[in-house]
C-alpha atoms as a PDB file:
ATOM      1  CA  MET A   1      13.323 -10.490 -32.276  1.00  0.00           C
ATOM      2  CA  ASN A   2      16.179  -8.536 -30.712  1.00  0.00           C
ATOM      3  CA  GLN A   3      16.292  -6.780 -27.323  1.00  0.00           C
ATOM      4  CA  LEU A   4      15.537  -3.375 -28.841  1.00  0.00           C
ATOM      5  CA  GLU A   5      12.402  -4.620 -30.575  1.00  0.00           C
ATOM      6  CA  GLU A   6      11.259  -6.435 -27.435  1.00  0.00           C
ATOM      7  CA  ALA A   7      11.784  -3.338 -25.311  1.00  0.00           C
ATOM      8  CA  ARG A   8       9.869  -1.192 -27.802  1.00  0.00           C
ATOM      9  CA  ILE A   9       6.941  -3.611 -27.798  1.00  0.00           C
ATOM     10  CA  GLN A  10       6.850  -3.465 -23.999  1.00  0.00           C
ATOM     11  CA  ILE A  11       7.046   0.344 -24.086  1.00  0.00           C
ATOM     12  CA  ASP A  12       4.110   0.407 -26.528  1.00  0.00           C
ATOM     13  CA  GLU A  13       2.048  -1.680 -24.101  1.00  0.00           C
ATOM     14  CA  ILE A  14       2.951   0.597 -21.187  1.00  0.00           C
ATOM     15  CA  ASP A  15       2.078   3.657 -23.297  1.00  0.00           C
ATOM     16  CA  LYS A  16      -1.326   2.133 -24.030  1.00  0.00           C
ATOM     17  CA  ALA A  17      -1.940   1.646 -20.301  1.00  0.00           C
ATOM     18  CA  LEU A  18      -0.709   5.173 -19.550  1.00  0.00           C
ATOM     19  CA  VAL A  19      -3.142   6.681 -22.062  1.00  0.00           C
ATOM     20  CA  SER A  20      -6.016   4.926 -20.330  1.00  0.00           C
ATOM     21  CA  LEU A  21      -4.854   6.143 -16.915  1.00  0.00           C
ATOM     22  CA  LEU A  22      -4.354   9.690 -18.202  1.00  0.00           C
ATOM     23  CA  GLU A  23      -7.897   9.689 -19.570  1.00  0.00           C
ATOM     24  CA  GLU A  24      -9.176   8.590 -16.155  1.00  0.00           C
ATOM     25  CA  ARG A  25      -7.079  11.291 -14.492  1.00  0.00           C
ATOM     26  CA  LEU A  26      -8.432  13.998 -16.815  1.00  0.00           C
ATOM     27  CA  THR A  27     -11.986  12.885 -16.106  1.00  0.00           C
ATOM     28  CA  LEU A  28     -11.264  13.501 -12.419  1.00  0.00           C
ATOM     29  CA  VAL A  29      -9.474  16.773 -13.198  1.00  0.00           C
ATOM     30  CA  THR A  30     -12.685  17.883 -14.914  1.00  0.00           C
ATOM     31  CA  LYS A  31     -14.638  17.136 -11.728  1.00  0.00           C
ATOM     32  CA  VAL A  32     -12.075  19.083  -9.687  1.00  0.00           C
ATOM     33  CA  ALA A  33     -12.314  22.023 -12.107  1.00  0.00           C
ATOM     34  CA  SER A  34     -16.117  22.014 -11.870  1.00  0.00           C
ATOM     35  CA  TYR A  35     -15.928  22.082  -8.077  1.00  0.00           C
ATOM     36  CA  LYS A  36     -13.372  24.886  -8.117  1.00  0.00           C
ATOM     37  CA  LYS A  37     -15.511  26.900 -10.519  1.00  0.00           C
ATOM     38  CA  GLU A  38     -18.669  26.400  -8.439  1.00  0.00           C
ATOM     39  CA  HIS A  39     -16.866  27.417  -5.243  1.00  0.00           C
ATOM     40  CA  ASN A  40     -14.761  30.181  -6.788  1.00  0.00           C
ATOM     41  CA  LEU A  41     -11.492  28.467  -5.866  1.00  0.00           C
ATOM     42  CA  PRO A  42      -8.170  29.085  -7.599  1.00  0.00           C
ATOM     43  CA  ILE A  43      -6.800  26.498  -9.982  1.00  0.00           C
ATOM     44  CA  PHE A  44      -3.336  26.470  -8.438  1.00  0.00           C
ATOM     45  CA  ASP A  45      -2.798  25.294  -4.863  1.00  0.00           C
ATOM     46  CA  ARG A  46       0.920  25.333  -4.093  1.00  0.00           C
ATOM     47  CA  ASN A  47       0.554  23.313  -0.884  1.00  0.00           C
ATOM     48  CA  ARG A  48      -1.453  20.588  -2.621  1.00  0.00           C
ATOM     49  CA  GLU A  49       1.013  20.402  -5.492  1.00  0.00           C
ATOM     50  CA  GLU A  50       4.003  20.075  -3.159  1.00  0.00           C
ATOM     51  CA  ALA A  51       2.199  17.401  -1.141  1.00  0.00           C
ATOM     52  CA  VAL A  52       1.442  15.445  -4.312  1.00  0.00           C
ATOM     53  CA  LEU A  53       5.065  15.662  -5.468  1.00  0.00           C
ATOM     54  CA  GLU A  54       6.310  14.465  -2.091  1.00  0.00           C
ATOM     55  CA  LYS A  55       3.866  11.558  -2.153  1.00  0.00           C
ATOM     56  CA  ILE A  56       4.884  10.658  -5.713  1.00  0.00           C
ATOM     57  CA  SER A  57       8.554  10.754  -4.729  1.00  0.00           C
ATOM     58  CA  SER A  58       7.849   8.313  -1.912  1.00  0.00           C
ATOM     59  CA  TYR A  59       6.378   5.811  -4.400  1.00  0.00           C
ATOM     60  CA  VAL A  60       9.557   5.644  -6.495  1.00  0.00           C
ATOM     61  CA  LYS A  61      11.386   2.383  -5.841  1.00  0.00           C
ATOM     62  CA  GLU A  62      14.388   3.001  -8.105  1.00  0.00           C
ATOM     63  CA  LYS A  63      15.907   6.190  -6.688  1.00  0.00           C
ATOM     64  CA  THR A  64      17.907   6.898  -9.861  1.00  0.00           C
ATOM     65  CA  TYR A  65      14.510   7.555 -11.515  1.00  0.00           C
ATOM     66  CA  GLN A  66      13.247   9.902  -8.795  1.00  0.00           C
ATOM     67  CA  GLU A  67      14.122  13.230 -10.451  1.00  0.00           C
ATOM     68  CA  ALA A  68      12.814  12.177 -13.869  1.00  0.00           C
ATOM     69  CA  ILE A  69       9.559  10.973 -12.356  1.00  0.00           C
ATOM     70  CA  ARG A  70       9.158  14.108 -10.240  1.00  0.00           C
ATOM     71  CA  LEU A  71       9.703  16.290 -13.319  1.00  0.00           C
ATOM     72  CA  SER A  72       7.224  14.181 -15.288  1.00  0.00           C
ATOM     73  CA  PHE A  73       4.595  14.751 -12.620  1.00  0.00           C
ATOM     74  CA  GLN A  74       5.344  18.459 -12.458  1.00  0.00           C
ATOM     75  CA  ASP A  75       4.716  18.581 -16.198  1.00  0.00           C
ATOM     76  CA  LEU A  76       1.578  16.480 -15.826  1.00  0.00           C
ATOM     77  CA  MET A  77       0.241  18.852 -13.176  1.00  0.00           C
ATOM     78  CA  LYS A  78       1.025  21.863 -15.373  1.00  0.00           C
ATOM     79  CA  ARG A  79      -0.922  20.246 -18.187  1.00  0.00           C
ATOM     80  CA  SER A  80      -3.770  19.550 -15.749  1.00  0.00           C
ATOM     81  CA  LYS A  81      -3.825  23.208 -14.652  1.00  0.00           C
ATOM     82  CA  ASP A  82      -3.832  24.325 -18.299  1.00  0.00           C
ATOM     83  CA  PHE A  83      -6.702  21.906 -18.973  1.00  0.00           C
ATOM     84  CA  GLN A  84      -8.628  23.286 -15.981  1.00  0.00           C
ATOM     85  CA  LYS A  85      -8.139  26.877 -17.194  1.00  0.00           C
ATOM     86  CA  GLU A  86      -9.474  25.960 -20.603  1.00  0.00           C
ATOM     87  CA  TYR A  87     -12.331  23.925 -19.119  1.00  0.00           C
ATOM     88  CA  MET A  88     -13.272  26.769 -16.795  1.00  0.00           C
ATOM     89  CA  GLY A  89     -13.388  29.219 -19.652  1.00  0.00           C
ATOM     90  CA  GLY A  90      -9.984  30.827 -19.693  1.00  0.00           C
END
């Protein structure tokens, strides 16, 4: 097996773990959406989102990855907001 094949196998395993974690995250997003709906709160909270992005940035060990990871989380949060909108009925 060459390096490319080995790397792809490892990526597949990481993807499998990520799917599981994303499912857990969406379960919690559903709970957040229910709470927001019950308490008539907006889906988007700019301060919370910025705080999350700052916290995420602080977790990054390899600084050359920081921007890519931050953008990935921005996209993840957009998808979460879209999911909440749909879950809450539009």
